[in-house]
Protein backbone atom coordinates (compact mmCIF):
# COMPACT_ATOMS: atom_id res chain seq x y z
CA MET A 1 0.43 0.11 0.05
CA ILE A 2 2.81 2.16 0.85
CA ARG A 3 4.79 1.65 -2.49
CA LEU A 4 1.56 2.27 -4.72
CA PHE A 5 1.11 5.44 -2.84
CA LYS A 6 4.48 6.45 -3.53
CA THR A 7 4.05 5.61 -6.86
CA MET A 8 1.21 7.71 -7.28
CA ILE A 9 3.06 10.64 -5.81
CA ILE A 10 6.23 10.36 -8.13
CA LYS A 11 3.27 9.97 -11.21
CA THR A 12 1.54 13.24 -9.82
CA TYR A 13 4.82 14.97 -10.04
CA TYR A 14 6.17 13.84 -12.81
CA MET A 15 2.37 14.54 -14.92
CA LEU A 16 2.74 18.25 -13.34
CA THR A 17 6.07 18.87 -15.85
CA LYS A 18 4.06 17.74 -18.66
CA PRO A 19 6.48 15.52 -19.97
CA GLY A 20 5.06 15.47 -23.56
CA ILE A 21 6.11 18.81 -24.15
CA ILE A 22 9.56 18.35 -22.89
CA ALA A 23 9.92 15.25 -25.41
CA GLY A 24 8.83 17.16 -28.26
CA ASN A 25 11.45 20.14 -27.51
CA ALA A 26 14.07 16.94 -26.99
CA VAL A 27 13.70 16.56 -30.67
CA THR A 28 14.37 19.86 -31.94
CA THR A 29 17.26 20.34 -29.05
CA PHE A 30 18.73 17.23 -30.78
CA GLY A 31 17.96 19.08 -34.51
CA GLY A 32 19.85 21.99 -33.07
CA PHE A 33 22.82 20.04 -31.31
CA MET A 34 23.41 17.82 -34.58
CA LEU A 35 23.30 21.00 -36.76
CA ALA A 36 26.42 22.06 -35.19
CA SER A 37 28.38 19.27 -34.75
CA LYS A 38 30.95 18.75 -37.39
CA GLY A 39 32.52 16.23 -36.07
CA PRO A 40 32.02 13.11 -34.20
CA PHE A 41 28.79 13.32 -32.13
CA ASN A 42 29.85 14.43 -28.64
CA PHE A 43 27.27 12.12 -26.82
CA TRP A 44 28.21 13.19 -23.30
CA LEU A 45 27.57 16.85 -24.38
CA PHE A 46 24.40 15.93 -25.52
CA CYS A 47 22.84 13.83 -22.43
CA TRP A 48 24.14 17.12 -20.06
CA THR A 49 22.69 19.35 -22.49
CA LEU A 50 19.40 17.74 -22.61
CA ILE A 51 18.88 16.71 -19.18
CA GLY A 52 19.98 20.10 -18.04
CA LEU A 53 17.15 21.59 -20.97
CA SER A 54 14.58 19.25 -19.97
CA LEU A 55 14.81 20.28 -16.24
CA VAL A 56 14.51 23.83 -17.14
CA ILE A 57 11.44 22.67 -19.16
CA ALA A 58 9.87 20.83 -16.39
CA SER A 59 10.37 24.10 -14.15
CA ALA A 60 8.56 26.37 -16.80
CA CYS A 61 5.95 23.78 -17.40
CA VAL A 62 5.34 23.54 -13.40
CA PHE A 63 5.14 27.31 -12.98
CA ASN A 64 2.64 27.16 -15.81
CA ASN A 65 0.79 24.83 -14.34
CA TYR A 66 0.29 26.89 -10.82
CA MET A 67 -0.11 30.14 -13.14
CA ASP A 68 -3.10 28.49 -14.91
CA ARG A 69 -4.69 26.45 -12.01
CA GLU A 70 -7.86 28.73 -12.00
CA ILE A 71 -8.47 28.97 -15.62
CA ASP A 72 -7.81 25.13 -15.97
CA LYS A 73 -10.83 24.53 -13.66
CA LYS A 74 -13.01 25.80 -16.89
CA MET A 75 -11.27 23.71 -19.46
CA ALA A 76 -12.50 19.86 -20.13
CA ARG A 77 -8.26 18.86 -21.10
CA THR A 78 -7.34 20.74 -17.88
CA LYS A 79 -10.07 20.37 -15.46
CA ASN A 80 -8.01 16.77 -13.96
CA ARG A 81 -4.75 18.43 -13.67
CA ALA A 82 -2.82 18.34 -10.20
CA LEU A 83 -3.07 21.57 -9.09
CA VAL A 84 -6.86 21.88 -9.88
CA ARG A 85 -7.79 18.50 -8.08
CA GLY A 86 -5.42 19.55 -5.05
CA LEU A 87 -2.88 16.71 -5.30
CA VAL A 88 -0.24 18.75 -4.92
CA SER A 89 -0.32 22.31 -3.04
CA GLU A 90 0.48 25.60 -4.33
CA LYS A 91 3.22 25.85 -1.71
CA SER A 92 5.03 22.20 -3.09
CA ALA A 93 4.68 23.22 -6.76
CA LEU A 94 6.08 26.54 -6.20
CA ILE A 95 9.14 24.58 -4.47
CA TYR A 96 9.40 22.03 -6.98
CA GLY A 97 9.35 24.66 -10.01
CA THR A 98 12.26 26.71 -8.38
CA LEU A 99 14.48 23.32 -7.47
CA LEU A 100 14.17 21.62 -11.10
CA GLY A 101 14.91 25.43 -12.71
CA LEU A 102 17.80 25.85 -10.57
CA LEU A 103 19.37 22.05 -11.15
CA GLY A 104 18.51 22.45 -14.59
CA MET A 105 20.36 25.56 -15.05
CA GLY A 106 23.36 24.35 -12.87
CA VAL A 107 23.53 21.23 -14.83
CA LEU A 108 23.54 23.94 -18.59
CA ALA A 109 26.38 26.05 -17.02
CA LEU A 110 28.96 23.02 -15.64
CA TYR A 111 28.32 20.92 -17.99
CA ALA A 112 27.48 22.78 -21.41
CA ASN A 113 28.54 26.20 -21.41
CA PHE A 114 27.34 29.49 -19.85
CA LEU A 115 25.77 30.53 -23.08
CA THR A 116 23.21 27.85 -23.45
CA ALA A 117 22.19 28.55 -19.64
CA MET A 118 21.22 32.15 -20.37
CA ILE A 119 19.61 31.11 -23.21
CA ALA A 120 17.57 28.53 -21.39
CA LEU A 121 16.93 31.26 -18.71
CA ALA A 122 15.56 33.42 -21.68
CA GLY A 123 13.11 31.01 -23.01
CA PHE A 124 11.97 30.27 -19.55
CA LEU A 125 11.13 34.09 -18.78
CA PHE A 126 9.43 34.08 -21.79
CA TYR A 127 7.26 31.15 -21.31
CA VAL A 128 6.51 31.72 -17.73
CA VAL A 129 6.14 35.59 -17.18
CA VAL A 130 5.80 37.03 -20.80
CA TYR A 131 3.67 34.24 -22.25
CA GLY A 132 1.99 33.56 -18.63
CA LEU A 133 0.34 36.95 -18.60
CA TRP A 134 -0.05 38.32 -22.15
CA LYS A 135 -1.97 34.90 -23.48
CA TYR A 136 -4.86 35.96 -21.16
CA ARG A 137 -5.07 39.72 -22.38
CA SER A 138 -4.18 39.32 -25.90
CA SER A 139 -4.35 36.75 -28.74
CA TYR A 140 -0.82 38.16 -29.71
CA GLY A 141 0.00 36.10 -26.26
CA THR A 142 0.57 33.37 -29.10
CA VAL A 143 3.25 35.19 -30.96
CA ILE A 144 5.46 35.06 -27.35
CA GLY A 145 4.87 31.83 -26.58
CA SER A 146 6.46 30.98 -29.80
CA LEU A 147 9.32 32.98 -29.27
CA ALA A 148 9.97 30.68 -26.03
CA GLY A 149 9.32 27.46 -28.31
CA GLY A 150 12.08 28.60 -30.49
CA VAL A 151 14.84 28.08 -27.74
CA PRO A 152 15.69 24.64 -27.45
CA PRO A 153 16.84 23.69 -31.05
CA VAL A 154 19.08 27.01 -30.28
CA VAL A 155 20.08 25.56 -26.55
CA GLY A 156 21.44 22.19 -28.76
CA TYR A 157 22.99 24.59 -31.24
CA CYS A 158 25.03 26.79 -28.64
CA ALA A 159 25.98 23.75 -26.74
CA VAL A 160 28.21 22.73 -29.48
CA SER A 161 29.15 25.87 -31.13
CA ASN A 162 29.26 28.48 -28.01
CA GLN A 163 28.36 31.10 -30.37
CA LEU A 164 25.01 32.80 -31.47
CA ASP A 165 25.34 32.92 -35.21
CA LEU A 166 23.53 32.86 -38.54
CA GLY A 167 22.98 29.30 -37.73
CA ALA A 168 21.28 29.84 -34.49
CA PHE A 169 18.83 32.60 -35.95
CA LEU A 170 17.77 30.02 -38.47
CA LEU A 171 16.98 27.21 -36.04
CA PHE A 172 14.97 30.16 -34.05
CA THR A 173 13.12 31.45 -36.93
CA ILE A 174 12.12 28.17 -38.08
CA MET A 175 10.71 26.89 -34.56
CA VAL A 176 8.66 30.17 -34.12
CA LEU A 177 7.47 30.02 -37.43
CA TRP A 178 6.70 26.44 -37.13
CA GLN A 179 4.90 26.87 -34.00
CA MET A 180 2.36 29.78 -35.11
CA PRO A 181 0.28 27.26 -37.36
CA HIS A 182 0.94 24.74 -34.54
CA PHE A 183 -0.51 26.55 -32.35
CA PHE A 184 -3.55 28.01 -34.03
CA ALA A 185 -4.50 24.24 -34.84
CA ILE A 186 -4.41 23.43 -31.24
CA THR A 187 -7.22 26.37 -30.41
CA LEU A 188 -9.11 25.49 -33.34
CA TYR A 189 -9.48 22.03 -32.21
CA ARG A 190 -9.93 22.73 -28.95
CA LEU A 191 -12.08 26.06 -29.24
CA GLU A 192 -14.78 25.43 -26.95
CA ASP A 193 -12.29 24.65 -24.12
CA TYR A 194 -10.94 28.45 -24.56
CA ALA A 195 -14.18 29.83 -25.35
CA ALA A 196 -14.80 28.74 -22.07
CA ALA A 197 -12.42 29.99 -20.15
CA SER A 198 -12.21 33.27 -21.91
CA ILE A 199 -8.68 33.13 -23.37
CA PRO A 200 -8.24 35.57 -26.48
CA VAL A 201 -6.59 33.51 -28.76
CA LEU A 202 -6.89 34.39 -32.46
CA PRO A 203 -10.27 32.34 -33.92
CA LEU A 204 -12.15 33.84 -30.92
CA GLU A 205 -10.92 37.51 -31.46
CA LYS A 206 -11.01 37.35 -35.38
CA GLY A 207 -12.74 34.66 -36.67
CA ILE A 208 -11.68 31.26 -37.74
CA TYR A 209 -11.25 32.39 -41.37
CA THR A 210 -8.31 34.99 -40.37
CA THR A 211 -6.78 32.08 -38.20
CA LYS A 212 -6.53 30.34 -41.48
CA ILE A 213 -5.23 32.74 -43.53
CA GLN A 214 -2.70 33.13 -40.68
CA MET A 215 -1.50 29.86 -40.71
CA TRP A 216 -1.18 29.69 -44.70
CA LEU A 217 1.10 32.76 -44.57
CA TYR A 218 3.35 31.42 -41.19
CA ILE A 219 3.51 28.03 -43.46
CA MET A 220 4.61 29.53 -46.30
CA ALA A 221 7.06 31.53 -44.24
CA PHE A 222 7.89 28.69 -42.60
CA ILE A 223 8.87 26.66 -45.71
CA VAL A 224 11.33 29.74 -46.98
CA ALA A 225 13.53 29.46 -43.81
CA THR A 226 13.49 26.09 -43.49
CA VAL A 227 15.12 25.92 -47.15
CA MET A 228 17.40 29.05 -46.37
CA LEU A 229 19.54 26.21 -44.35
CA THR A 230 20.75 25.04 -47.52
CA PHE A 231 21.19 28.17 -49.01
CA MET A 232 23.27 29.44 -46.19
CA GLY A 233 25.55 26.36 -46.09
CA TYR A 234 24.13 24.63 -43.32
CA THR A 235 22.53 21.45 -44.76
CA GLY A 236 22.62 19.42 -47.82
CA TYR A 237 20.37 18.88 -50.81
CA ALA A 238 18.96 15.64 -48.85
CA TYR A 239 17.71 17.91 -46.54
CA LEU A 240 16.56 20.56 -48.90
CA THR A 241 14.13 18.33 -51.19
CA VAL A 242 12.63 16.45 -47.72
CA ALA A 243 12.10 20.10 -46.00
CA VAL A 244 10.46 21.30 -49.19
CA LEU A 245 8.81 18.27 -49.93
CA MET A 246 7.63 18.13 -46.04
CA GLY A 247 6.21 22.17 -46.47
CA LEU A 248 4.35 21.86 -49.34
CA MET A 249 2.33 19.02 -48.07
CA TRP A 250 1.71 21.05 -44.95
CA TYR A 251 0.86 23.69 -47.26
CA VAL A 252 -1.81 21.33 -49.32
CA LEU A 253 -3.46 20.29 -46.09
CA CYS A 254 -3.58 23.72 -44.80
CA LEU A 255 -5.42 24.96 -48.23
CA LYS A 256 -7.96 21.99 -47.66
CA GLY A 257 -9.53 24.22 -44.36
CA PHE A 258 -10.60 26.43 -46.36
CA LYS A 259 -13.11 24.38 -47.80
CA SER A 260 -13.63 21.79 -45.20
CA ASP A 261 -17.02 21.42 -43.62
CA ASN A 262 -15.45 20.27 -40.57
CA ASP A 263 -13.13 22.68 -38.95
CA LYS A 264 -12.32 20.54 -36.12
CA GLN A 265 -11.35 17.63 -37.59
CA TRP A 266 -9.52 19.53 -40.00
CA ALA A 267 -6.98 21.13 -37.29
CA ARG A 268 -6.71 17.84 -35.42
CA GLN A 269 -4.86 16.56 -38.96
CA MET A 270 -3.22 20.40 -38.83
CA PHE A 271 -1.67 19.64 -35.36
CA LEU A 272 -0.73 16.18 -35.98
CA PHE A 273 0.86 16.74 -39.35
CA SER A 274 2.93 19.61 -37.80
CA ILE A 275 4.62 17.52 -35.19
CA VAL A 276 5.19 15.18 -38.43
CA VAL A 277 7.13 18.24 -39.97
CA ILE A 278 9.37 19.01 -37.55
CA MET A 279 10.38 15.52 -36.63
CA VAL A 280 11.47 14.81 -40.42
CA GLU A 281 13.10 18.16 -40.23
CA CYS A 282 15.17 17.75 -37.41
CA PHE A 283 15.57 14.46 -38.33
CA MET A 284 17.04 15.45 -41.81
CA MET A 285 19.23 18.10 -40.34
CA ALA A 286 20.84 15.55 -38.14
CA ILE A 287 21.91 13.42 -40.99
CA ASP A 288 22.26 15.87 -44.04
CA ARG A 289 24.19 18.70 -42.08
CA VAL A 290 27.32 20.10 -44.24
């Protein structure tokens, strides 16, 4: 009985860190790390970078859970979170999040480099403080959130390069542009939840059609940004071919949304395919870097 209770506590605290978000960011971190790796793969440097960044992301997610605890009560997909149900106290969550963040920053500074720690800290502050406040006040909160989401591949890249250069900027741009249609797809798919919680997302503020236009524009910009990696000499033509193909497939799927009779189903397809797109992009960065 005691063992079962301990297992439940561990699982509760584990879920508080939003492991799905951590896993997704691990993929983009790997892509950035490999893009900067011109020589042999440094396994231990990658491991420490991933551990440190994952702890910082986990910390940000815990603080996000704390800040969203009242809103989460109103949304079907979040009403069973630990803080909402009282499984974790607010004080415990704050202590837990702080310890995770400090540990993650320490790991990055000691075992990667100071630059990666500072970049991770910037991403943390944008996500927890700036995005955490803006998303309740303006539909532009999505843009702020995308800036934080652009950090993980840059951390991976700078763990190797220890400098912010054009490659880091392109990775950041690619991730920011990818996240906008990705997140808009989530808002369309979960529109009832956002309406119930009175969160001013773009579909509620400007309408579904305007949101689709925005998704279309961001995907076009995303395609341009991805091919720039090849034109600037960071990746080869195999990457370029796959990047263009995946981008065009996403673009075509986006266009289908303008004729769709079921926006929710289409949005779910857009969301799922966006994950495929970024995973393939990162894989190709890893195997066809120059």
